Amino acid sequence: MSPISALTAEEIDALEPSFLGPTWQKAPDGSWLLPEHTLGWQVAGWCAEYLRAEDGGPWRFTREQLRWTLWWYAVDKHGRFVYRKGVLQRLKGWG
């Protein structure tokens, strides 16, 4: 078995990121694509009202966390959740 060669910094910079799911999709006008129907705004409001950050202030999602929450709680026109399973994987300290 041959060892895997390390990538150079230039090769790493040239890699295209891959994203699964809609969190990073953009609309034709360049804005973030958000679900038409979601309970995520209510979840974000509840978090801001009842959760506290380390400094004692209200909890605030990062923009990516908010988009992910909006998509995770997306519902179809009948009120059924669009997503039943999911994984969000980031480095420690991401949020």
PDB file of N, CA and C in Angstrom:
ATOM      1  N   MET A   1       0.853  -1.183   0.000  1.00  0.00           N
ATOM      2  CA  MET A   1       0.000   0.000   0.000  1.00  0.00           C
ATOM      3  C   MET A   1       0.888   1.232   0.000  1.00  0.00           C
ATOM      4  N   SER A   2       0.658   2.121  -0.938  1.00  0.00           N
ATOM      5  CA  SER A   2       1.482   3.329  -1.023  1.00  0.00           C
ATOM      6  C   SER A   2       0.884   4.427  -0.142  1.00  0.00           C
ATOM      7  N   PRO A   3       1.766   5.278   0.419  1.00  0.00           N
ATOM      8  CA  PRO A   3       1.265   6.371   1.267  1.00  0.00           C
ATOM      9  C   PRO A   3       0.540   7.414   0.432  1.00  0.00           C
ATOM     10  N   ILE A   4      -0.384   8.108   1.073  1.00  0.00           N
ATOM     11  CA  ILE A   4      -1.119   9.190   0.418  1.00  0.00           C
ATOM     12  C   ILE A   4      -0.245  10.433   0.470  1.00  0.00           C
ATOM     13  N   SER A   5      -0.051  11.050  -0.670  1.00  0.00           N
ATOM     14  CA  SER A   5       0.797  12.247  -0.699  1.00  0.00           C
ATOM     15  C   SER A   5       0.036  13.450  -0.149  1.00  0.00           C
ATOM     16  N   ALA A   6       0.771  14.329   0.519  1.00  0.00           N
ATOM     17  CA  ALA A   6       0.178  15.544   1.085  1.00  0.00           C
ATOM     18  C   ALA A   6      -0.049  16.570  -0.016  1.00  0.00           C
ATOM     19  N   LEU A   7      -1.082  17.369   0.142  1.00  0.00           N
ATOM     20  CA  LEU A   7      -1.364  18.440  -0.811  1.00  0.00           C
ATOM     21  C   LEU A   7      -0.546  19.672  -0.463  1.00  0.00           C
ATOM     22  N   THR A   8      -0.176  20.412  -1.473  1.00  0.00           N
ATOM     23  CA  THR A   8       0.504  21.685  -1.239  1.00  0.00           C
ATOM     24  C   THR A   8      -0.538  22.737  -0.864  1.00  0.00           C
ATOM     25  N   ALA A   9      -0.080  23.857  -0.340  1.00  0.00           N
ATOM     26  CA  ALA A   9      -0.994  24.945   0.022  1.00  0.00           C
ATOM     27  C   ALA A   9      -1.754  25.437  -1.201  1.00  0.00           C
ATOM     28  N   GLU A  10      -1.096  25.495  -2.342  1.00  0.00           N
ATOM     29  CA  GLU A  10      -1.750  25.940  -3.575  1.00  0.00           C
ATOM     30  C   GLU A  10      -2.834  24.955  -3.997  1.00  0.00           C
ATOM     31  N   GLU A  11      -2.559  23.661  -3.845  1.00  0.00           N
ATOM     32  CA  GLU A  11      -3.554  22.646  -4.203  1.00  0.00           C
ATOM     33  C   GLU A  11      -4.761  22.714  -3.272  1.00  0.00           C
ATOM     34  N   ILE A  12      -4.508  22.971  -2.001  1.00  0.00           N
ATOM     35  CA  ILE A  12      -5.610  23.094  -1.033  1.00  0.00           C
ATOM     36  C   ILE A  12      -6.468  24.314  -1.370  1.00  0.00           C
ATOM     37  N   ASP A  13      -5.813  25.436  -1.674  1.00  0.00           N
ATOM     38  CA  ASP A  13      -6.551  26.661  -2.019  1.00  0.00           C
ATOM     39  C   ASP A  13      -7.389  26.489  -3.276  1.00  0.00           C
ATOM     40  N   ALA A  14      -6.953  25.617  -4.177  1.00  0.00           N
ATOM     41  CA  ALA A  14      -7.660  25.418  -5.446  1.00  0.00           C
ATOM     42  C   ALA A  14      -8.847  24.466  -5.320  1.00  0.00           C
ATOM     43  N   LEU A  15      -8.970  23.768  -4.184  1.00  0.00           N
ATOM     44  CA  LEU A  15     -10.073  22.826  -4.016  1.00  0.00           C
ATOM     45  C   LEU A  15     -11.406  23.559  -3.951  1.00  0.00           C
ATOM     46  N   GLU A  16     -12.392  23.019  -4.604  1.00  0.00           N
ATOM     47  CA  GLU A  16     -13.745  23.571  -4.547  1.00  0.00           C
ATOM     48  C   GLU A  16     -14.457  22.976  -3.333  1.00  0.00           C
ATOM     49  N   PRO A  17     -15.096  23.805  -2.515  1.00  0.00           N
ATOM     50  CA  PRO A  17     -15.834  23.239  -1.374  1.00  0.00           C
ATOM     51  C   PRO A  17     -17.054  22.472  -1.869  1.00  0.00           C
ATOM     52  N   SER A  18     -17.467  21.496  -1.093  1.00  0.00           N
ATOM     53  CA  SER A  18     -18.697  20.769  -1.425  1.00  0.00           C
ATOM     54  C   SER A  18     -19.664  20.919  -0.256  1.00  0.00           C
ATOM     55  N   PHE A  19     -20.884  21.236  -0.588  1.00  0.00           N
ATOM     56  CA  PHE A  19     -21.915  21.428   0.423  1.00  0.00           C
ATOM     57  C   PHE A  19     -23.085  20.533   0.077  1.00  0.00           C
ATOM     58  N   LEU A  20     -23.591  19.858   1.068  1.00  0.00           N
ATOM     59  CA  LEU A  20     -24.781  19.046   0.897  1.00  0.00           C
ATOM     60  C   LEU A  20     -25.928  19.751   1.583  1.00  0.00           C
ATOM     61  N   GLY A  21     -27.054  19.768   0.951  1.00  0.00           N
ATOM     62  CA  GLY A  21     -28.208  20.426   1.539  1.00  0.00           C
ATOM     63  C   GLY A  21     -28.328  21.870   1.073  1.00  0.00           C
ATOM     64  N   PRO A  22     -29.395  22.520   1.449  1.00  0.00           N
ATOM     65  CA  PRO A  22     -29.718  23.838   0.911  1.00  0.00           C
ATOM     66  C   PRO A  22     -29.134  25.033   1.671  1.00  0.00           C
ATOM     67  N   THR A  23     -28.450  24.804   2.788  1.00  0.00           N
ATOM     68  CA  THR A  23     -28.013  25.917   3.636  1.00  0.00           C
ATOM     69  C   THR A  23     -27.140  26.932   2.901  1.00  0.00           C
ATOM     70  N   TRP A  24     -26.346  26.479   1.950  1.00  0.00           N
ATOM     71  CA  TRP A  24     -25.423  27.365   1.248  1.00  0.00           C
ATOM     72  C   TRP A  24     -25.880  27.695  -0.166  1.00  0.00           C
ATOM     73  N   GLN A  25     -27.104  27.375  -0.530  1.00  0.00           N
ATOM     74  CA  GLN A  25     -27.588  27.692  -1.873  1.00  0.00           C
ATOM     75  C   GLN A  25     -27.986  29.162  -1.952  1.00  0.00           C
ATOM     76  N   LYS A  26     -27.722  29.745  -3.119  1.00  0.00           N
ATOM     77  CA  LYS A  26     -28.083  31.141  -3.326  1.00  0.00           C
ATOM     78  C   LYS A  26     -29.107  31.255  -4.446  1.00  0.00           C
ATOM     79  N   ALA A  27     -29.936  32.282  -4.344  1.00  0.00           N
ATOM     80  CA  ALA A  27     -30.933  32.593  -5.366  1.00  0.00           C
ATOM     81  C   ALA A  27     -30.222  33.250  -6.555  1.00  0.00           C
ATOM     82  N   PRO A  28     -30.890  33.336  -7.701  1.00  0.00           N
ATOM     83  CA  PRO A  28     -30.274  33.969  -8.872  1.00  0.00           C
ATOM     84  C   PRO A  28     -29.783  35.407  -8.621  1.00  0.00           C
ATOM     85  N   ASP A  29     -30.421  36.116  -7.686  1.00  0.00           N
ATOM     86  CA  ASP A  29     -29.995  37.499  -7.401  1.00  0.00           C
ATOM     87  C   ASP A  29     -28.826  37.565  -6.416  1.00  0.00           C
ATOM     88  N   GLY A  30     -28.333  36.406  -5.978  1.00  0.00           N
ATOM     89  CA  GLY A  30     -27.190  36.369  -5.064  1.00  0.00           C
ATOM     90  C   GLY A  30     -27.553  36.321  -3.596  1.00  0.00           C
ATOM     91  N   SER A  31     -28.830  36.442  -3.260  1.00  0.00           N
ATOM     92  CA  SER A  31     -29.260  36.357  -1.856  1.00  0.00           C
ATOM     93  C   SER A  31     -29.321  34.886  -1.446  1.00  0.00           C
ATOM     94  N   TRP A  32     -29.359  34.661  -0.157  1.00  0.00           N
ATOM     95  CA  TRP A  32     -29.454  33.286   0.333  1.00  0.00           C
ATOM     96  C   TRP A  32     -30.824  32.715   0.009  1.00  0.00           C
ATOM     97  N   LEU A  33     -30.842  31.481  -0.418  1.00  0.00           N
ATOM     98  CA  LEU A  33     -32.096  30.789  -0.683  1.00  0.00           C
ATOM     99  C   LEU A  33     -32.631  30.287   0.651  1.00  0.00           C
ATOM    100  N   LEU A  34     -33.829  30.687   0.998  1.00  0.00           N
ATOM    101  CA  LEU A  34     -34.452  30.288   2.270  1.00  0.00           C
ATOM    102  C   LEU A  34     -35.738  29.537   1.972  1.00  0.00           C
ATOM    103  N   PRO A  35     -36.158  28.670   2.901  1.00  0.00           N
ATOM    104  CA  PRO A  35     -37.392  27.914   2.662  1.00  0.00           C
ATOM    105  C   PRO A  35     -38.616  28.831   2.647  1.00  0.00           C
ATOM    106  N   GLU A  36     -39.587  28.452   1.843  1.00  0.00           N
ATOM    107  CA  GLU A  36     -40.818  29.236   1.753  1.00  0.00           C
ATOM    108  C   GLU A  36     -41.610  29.170   3.054  1.00  0.00           C
ATOM    109  N   HIS A  37     -41.677  27.977   3.641  1.00  0.00           N
ATOM    110  CA  HIS A  37     -42.409  27.771   4.901  1.00  0.00           C
ATOM    111  C   HIS A  37     -41.462  27.139   5.909  1.00  0.00           C
ATOM    112  N   THR A  38     -41.364  27.735   7.084  1.00  0.00           N
ATOM    113  CA  THR A  38     -40.475  27.212   8.113  1.00  0.00           C
ATOM    114  C   THR A  38     -40.959  27.623   9.497  1.00  0.00           C
ATOM    115  N   LEU A  39     -40.694  26.771  10.453  1.00  0.00           N
ATOM    116  CA  LEU A  39     -40.924  27.117  11.857  1.00  0.00           C
ATOM    117  C   LEU A  39     -39.648  27.674  12.482  1.00  0.00           C
ATOM    118  N   GLY A  40     -38.594  27.752  11.672  1.00  0.00           N
ATOM    119  CA  GLY A  40     -37.286  28.185  12.159  1.00  0.00           C
ATOM    120  C   GLY A  40     -37.264  29.576  12.745  1.00  0.00           C
ATOM    121  N   TRP A  41     -38.075  30.494  12.199  1.00  0.00           N
ATOM    122  CA  TRP A  41     -38.105  31.848  12.757  1.00  0.00           C
ATOM    123  C   TRP A  41     -38.647  31.829  14.187  1.00  0.00           C
ATOM    124  N   GLN A  42     -39.637  30.977  14.437  1.00  0.00           N
ATOM    125  CA  GLN A  42     -40.184  30.861  15.795  1.00  0.00           C
ATOM    126  C   GLN A  42     -39.143  30.238  16.733  1.00  0.00           C
ATOM    127  N   VAL A  43     -38.387  29.264  16.239  1.00  0.00           N
ATOM    128  CA  VAL A  43     -37.323  28.645  17.040  1.00  0.00           C
ATOM    129  C   VAL A  43     -36.273  29.700  17.390  1.00  0.00           C
ATOM    130  N   ALA A  44     -35.858  30.492  16.404  1.00  0.00           N
ATOM    131  CA  ALA A  44     -34.858  31.542  16.646  1.00  0.00           C
ATOM    132  C   ALA A  44     -35.382  32.570  17.644  1.00  0.00           C
ATOM    133  N   GLY A  45     -36.649  32.932  17.538  1.00  0.00           N
ATOM    134  CA  GLY A  45     -37.242  33.872  18.484  1.00  0.00           C
ATOM    135  C   GLY A  45     -37.280  33.313  19.896  1.00  0.00           C
ATOM    136  N   TRP A  46     -37.633  32.028  20.008  1.00  0.00           N
ATOM    137  CA  TRP A  46     -37.666  31.383  21.320  1.00  0.00           C
ATOM    138  C   TRP A  46     -36.267  31.378  21.927  1.00  0.00           C
ATOM    139  N   CYS A  47     -35.259  31.037  21.124  1.00  0.00           N
ATOM    140  CA  CYS A  47     -33.881  31.002  21.620  1.00  0.00           C
ATOM    141  C   CYS A  47     -33.438  32.377  22.106  1.00  0.00           C
ATOM    142  N   ALA A  48     -33.769  33.425  21.337  1.00  0.00           N
ATOM    143  CA  ALA A  48     -33.389  34.780  21.735  1.00  0.00           C
ATOM    144  C   ALA A  48     -34.082  35.198  23.028  1.00  0.00           C
ATOM    145  N   GLU A  49     -35.299  34.717  23.226  1.00  0.00           N
ATOM    146  CA  GLU A  49     -36.066  35.087  24.417  1.00  0.00           C
ATOM    147  C   GLU A  49     -35.621  34.319  25.663  1.00  0.00           C
ATOM    148  N   TYR A  50     -35.354  33.027  25.520  1.00  0.00           N
ATOM    149  CA  TYR A  50     -35.158  32.184  26.701  1.00  0.00           C
ATOM    150  C   TYR A  50     -33.738  31.671  26.916  1.00  0.00           C
ATOM    151  N   LEU A  51     -32.870  31.753  25.925  1.00  0.00           N
ATOM    152  CA  LEU A  51     -31.492  31.290  26.093  1.00  0.00           C
ATOM    153  C   LEU A  51     -30.568  32.480  26.269  1.00  0.00           C
ATOM    154  N   ARG A  52     -29.512  32.298  27.018  1.00  0.00           N
ATOM    155  CA  ARG A  52     -28.553  33.359  27.267  1.00  0.00           C
ATOM    156  C   ARG A  52     -27.178  32.952  26.742  1.00  0.00           C
ATOM    157  N   ALA A  53     -26.460  33.928  26.214  1.00  0.00           N
ATOM    158  CA  ALA A  53     -25.092  33.723  25.754  1.00  0.00           C
ATOM    159  C   ALA A  53     -24.159  33.761  26.961  1.00  0.00           C
ATOM    160  N   GLU A  54     -22.899  33.447  26.731  1.00  0.00           N
ATOM    161  CA  GLU A  54     -21.925  33.439  27.830  1.00  0.00           C
ATOM    162  C   GLU A  54     -21.836  34.789  28.541  1.00  0.00           C
ATOM    163  N   ASP A  55     -22.026  35.879  27.791  1.00  0.00           N
ATOM    164  CA  ASP A  55     -21.927  37.212  28.393  1.00  0.00           C
ATOM    165  C   ASP A  55     -23.217  37.645  29.084  1.00  0.00           C
ATOM    166  N   GLY A  56     -24.218  36.757  29.101  1.00  0.00           N
ATOM    167  CA  GLY A  56     -25.486  37.073  29.745  1.00  0.00           C
ATOM    168  C   GLY A  56     -26.507  37.704  28.824  1.00  0.00           C
ATOM    169  N   GLY A  57     -26.086  38.070  27.629  1.00  0.00           N
ATOM    170  CA  GLY A  57     -27.001  38.654  26.658  1.00  0.00           C
ATOM    171  C   GLY A  57     -27.839  37.583  25.985  1.00  0.00           C
ATOM    172  N   PRO A  58     -28.738  37.985  25.104  1.00  0.00           N
ATOM    173  CA  PRO A  58     -29.583  37.000  24.424  1.00  0.00           C
ATOM    174  C   PRO A  58     -28.767  36.128  23.477  1.00  0.00           C
ATOM    175  N   TRP A  59     -29.207  34.891  23.328  1.00  0.00           N
ATOM    176  CA  TRP A  59     -28.568  33.972  22.386  1.00  0.00           C
ATOM    177  C   TRP A  59     -28.740  34.507  20.974  1.00  0.00           C
ATOM    178  N   ARG A  60     -27.694  34.453  20.197  1.00  0.00           N
ATOM    179  CA  ARG A  60     -27.759  34.862  18.796  1.00  0.00           C
ATOM    180  C   ARG A  60     -27.109  33.784  17.947  1.00  0.00           C
ATOM    181  N   PHE A  61     -27.835  33.356  16.929  1.00  0.00           N
ATOM    182  CA  PHE A  61     -27.274  32.405  15.986  1.00  0.00           C
ATOM    183  C   PHE A  61     -26.289  33.120  15.065  1.00  0.00           C
ATOM    184  N   THR A  62     -25.281  32.385  14.575  1.00  0.00           N
ATOM    185  CA  THR A  62     -24.491  32.911  13.471  1.00  0.00           C
ATOM    186  C   THR A  62     -25.396  32.863  12.241  1.00  0.00           C
ATOM    187  N   ARG A  63     -25.014  33.526  11.174  1.00  0.00           N
ATOM    188  CA  ARG A  63     -25.843  33.505   9.966  1.00  0.00           C
ATOM    189  C   ARG A  63     -26.005  32.087   9.424  1.00  0.00           C
ATOM    190  N   GLU A  64     -24.909  31.324   9.443  1.00  0.00           N
ATOM    191  CA  GLU A  64     -25.007  29.948   8.958  1.00  0.00           C
ATOM    192  C   GLU A  64     -25.922  29.121   9.860  1.00  0.00           C
ATOM    193  N   GLN A  65     -25.793  29.275  11.168  1.00  0.00           N
ATOM    194  CA  GLN A  65     -26.654  28.537  12.097  1.00  0.00           C
ATOM    195  C   GLN A  65     -28.118  28.888  11.880  1.00  0.00           C
ATOM    196  N   LEU A  66     -28.410  30.154  11.639  1.00  0.00           N
ATOM    197  CA  LEU A  66     -29.791  30.559  11.411  1.00  0.00           C
ATOM    198  C   LEU A  66     -30.325  29.957  10.113  1.00  0.00           C
ATOM    199  N   ARG A  67     -29.529  30.022   9.037  1.00  0.00           N
ATOM    200  CA  ARG A  67     -29.983  29.416   7.779  1.00  0.00           C
ATOM    201  C   ARG A  67     -30.224  27.925   7.965  1.00  0.00           C
ATOM    202  N   TRP A  68     -29.324  27.250   8.676  1.00  0.00           N
ATOM    203  CA  TRP A  68     -29.483  25.812   8.904  1.00  0.00           C
ATOM    204  C   TRP A  68     -30.753  25.551   9.708  1.00  0.00           C
ATOM    205  N   THR A  69     -31.014  26.350  10.725  1.00  0.00           N
ATOM    206  CA  THR A  69     -32.217  26.193  11.543  1.00  0.00           C
ATOM    207  C   THR A  69     -33.475  26.417  10.703  1.00  0.00           C
ATOM    208  N   LEU A  70     -33.447  27.440   9.856  1.00  0.00           N
ATOM    209  CA  LEU A  70     -34.602  27.697   8.990  1.00  0.00           C
ATOM    210  C   LEU A  70     -34.873  26.495   8.092  1.00  0.00           C
ATOM    211  N   TRP A  71     -33.818  25.912   7.522  1.00  0.00           N
ATOM    212  CA  TRP A  71     -34.006  24.740   6.658  1.00  0.00           C
ATOM    213  C   TRP A  71     -34.389  23.503   7.459  1.00  0.00           C
ATOM    214  N   TRP A  72     -33.801  23.306   8.630  1.00  0.00           N
ATOM    215  CA  TRP A  72     -34.106  22.113   9.427  1.00  0.00           C
ATOM    216  C   TRP A  72     -35.591  22.087   9.818  1.00  0.00           C
ATOM    217  N   TYR A  73     -36.154  23.244  10.101  1.00  0.00           N
ATOM    218  CA  TYR A  73     -37.561  23.329  10.499  1.00  0.00           C
ATOM    219  C   TYR A  73     -38.483  23.697   9.334  1.00  0.00           C
ATOM    220  N   ALA A  74     -37.988  23.517   8.098  1.00  0.00           N
ATOM    221  CA  ALA A  74     -38.832  23.774   6.930  1.00  0.00           C
ATOM    222  C   ALA A  74     -40.005  22.805   6.900  1.00  0.00           C
ATOM    223  N   VAL A  75     -41.167  23.296   6.496  1.00  0.00           N
ATOM    224  CA  VAL A  75     -42.361  22.455   6.377  1.00  0.00           C
ATOM    225  C   VAL A  75     -42.934  22.619   4.973  1.00  0.00           C
ATOM    226  N   ASP A  76     -43.648  21.593   4.514  1.00  0.00           N
ATOM    227  CA  ASP A  76     -44.284  21.682   3.198  1.00  0.00           C
ATOM    228  C   ASP A  76     -45.629  22.404   3.328  1.00  0.00           C
ATOM    229  N   LYS A  77     -46.365  22.483   2.241  1.00  0.00           N
ATOM    230  CA  LYS A  77     -47.619  23.237   2.270  1.00  0.00           C
ATOM    231  C   LYS A  77     -48.678  22.592   3.159  1.00  0.00           C
ATOM    232  N   HIS A  78     -48.450  21.343   3.573  1.00  0.00           N
ATOM    233  CA  HIS A  78     -49.383  20.658   4.475  1.00  0.00           C
ATOM    234  C   HIS A  78     -48.924  20.721   5.929  1.00  0.00           C
ATOM    235  N   GLY A  79     -47.810  21.407   6.171  1.00  0.00           N
ATOM    236  CA  GLY A  79     -47.309  21.539   7.531  1.00  0.00           C
ATOM    237  C   GLY A  79     -46.447  20.377   7.990  1.00  0.00           C
ATOM    238  N   ARG A  80     -46.065  19.491   7.082  1.00  0.00           N
ATOM    239  CA  ARG A  80     -45.197  18.358   7.433  1.00  0.00           C
ATOM    240  C   ARG A  80     -43.737  18.769   7.273  1.00  0.00           C
ATOM    241  N   PHE A  81     -42.902  18.299   8.190  1.00  0.00           N
ATOM    242  CA  PHE A  81     -41.484  18.618   8.099  1.00  0.00           C
ATOM    243  C   PHE A  81     -40.901  18.074   6.808  1.00  0.00           C
ATOM    244  N   VAL A  82     -40.084  18.884   6.146  1.00  0.00           N
ATOM    245  CA  VAL A  82     -39.432  18.486   4.901  1.00  0.00           C
ATOM    246  C   VAL A  82     -38.292  17.520   5.196  1.00  0.00           C
ATOM    247  N   TYR A  83     -37.546  17.763   6.259  1.00  0.00           N
ATOM    248  CA  TYR A  83     -36.385  16.942   6.610  1.00  0.00           C
ATOM    249  C   TYR A  83     -36.673  16.146   7.870  1.00  0.00           C
ATOM    250  N   ARG A  84     -36.386  14.858   7.815  1.00  0.00           N
ATOM    251  CA  ARG A  84     -36.609  13.973   8.966  1.00  0.00           C
ATOM    252  C   ARG A  84     -35.294  13.516   9.594  1.00  0.00           C
ATOM    253  N   LYS A  85     -34.217  13.618   8.850  1.00  0.00           N
ATOM    254  CA  LYS A  85     -32.897  13.219   9.343  1.00  0.00           C
ATOM    255  C   LYS A  85     -31.888  14.246   8.871  1.00  0.00           C
ATOM    256  N   GLY A  86     -30.840  14.439   9.655  1.00  0.00           N
ATOM    257  CA  GLY A  86     -29.819  15.384   9.241  1.00  0.00           C
ATOM    258  C   GLY A  86     -28.602  15.318  10.134  1.00  0.00           C
ATOM    259  N   VAL A  87     -27.511  15.849   9.622  1.00  0.00           N
ATOM    260  CA  VAL A  87     -26.259  15.930  10.367  1.00  0.00           C
ATOM    261  C   VAL A  87     -25.650  17.293  10.080  1.00  0.00           C
ATOM    262  N   LEU A  88     -25.234  17.970  11.108  1.00  0.00           N
ATOM    263  CA  LEU A  88     -24.484  19.211  10.957  1.00  0.00           C
ATOM    264  C   LEU A  88     -23.142  18.966  11.615  1.00  0.00           C
ATOM    265  N   GLN A  89     -22.086  19.015  10.831  1.00  0.00           N
ATOM    266  CA  GLN A  89     -20.759  18.712  11.350  1.00  0.00           C
ATOM    267  C   GLN A  89     -19.844  19.901  11.113  1.00  0.00           C
ATOM    268  N   ARG A  90     -19.295  20.419  12.167  1.00  0.00           N
ATOM    269  CA  ARG A  90     -18.364  21.537  12.105  1.00  0.00           C
ATOM    270  C   ARG A  90     -17.243  21.306  13.111  1.00  0.00           C
ATOM    271  N   LEU A  91     -16.213  22.133  13.033  1.00  0.00           N
ATOM    272  CA  LEU A  91     -15.104  22.047  13.975  1.00  0.00           C
ATOM    273  C   LEU A  91     -15.523  22.554  15.352  1.00  0.00           C
ATOM    274  N   LYS A  92     -14.834  22.092  16.369  1.00  0.00           N
ATOM    275  CA  LYS A  92     -15.092  22.539  17.729  1.00  0.00           C
ATOM    276  C   LYS A  92     -14.933  24.059  17.800  1.00  0.00           C
ATOM    277  N   GLY A  93     -15.833  24.718  18.489  1.00  0.00           N
ATOM    278  CA  GLY A  93     -15.780  26.154  18.632  1.00  0.00           C
ATOM    279  C   GLY A  93     -16.495  26.913  17.541  1.00  0.00           C
ATOM    280  N   TRP A  94     -17.138  26.193  16.615  1.00  0.00           N
ATOM    281  CA  TRP A  94     -17.820  26.828  15.487  1.00  0.00           C
ATOM    282  C   TRP A  94     -18.906  27.774  15.951  1.00  0.00           C
ATOM    283  N   GLY A  95     -19.608  27.416  16.997  1.00  0.00           N
ATOM    284  CA  GLY A  95     -20.696  28.275  17.391  1.00  0.00           C
ATOM    285  C   GLY A  95     -21.087  28.004  18.796  1.00  0.00           C
TER     286      GLY A  95
END
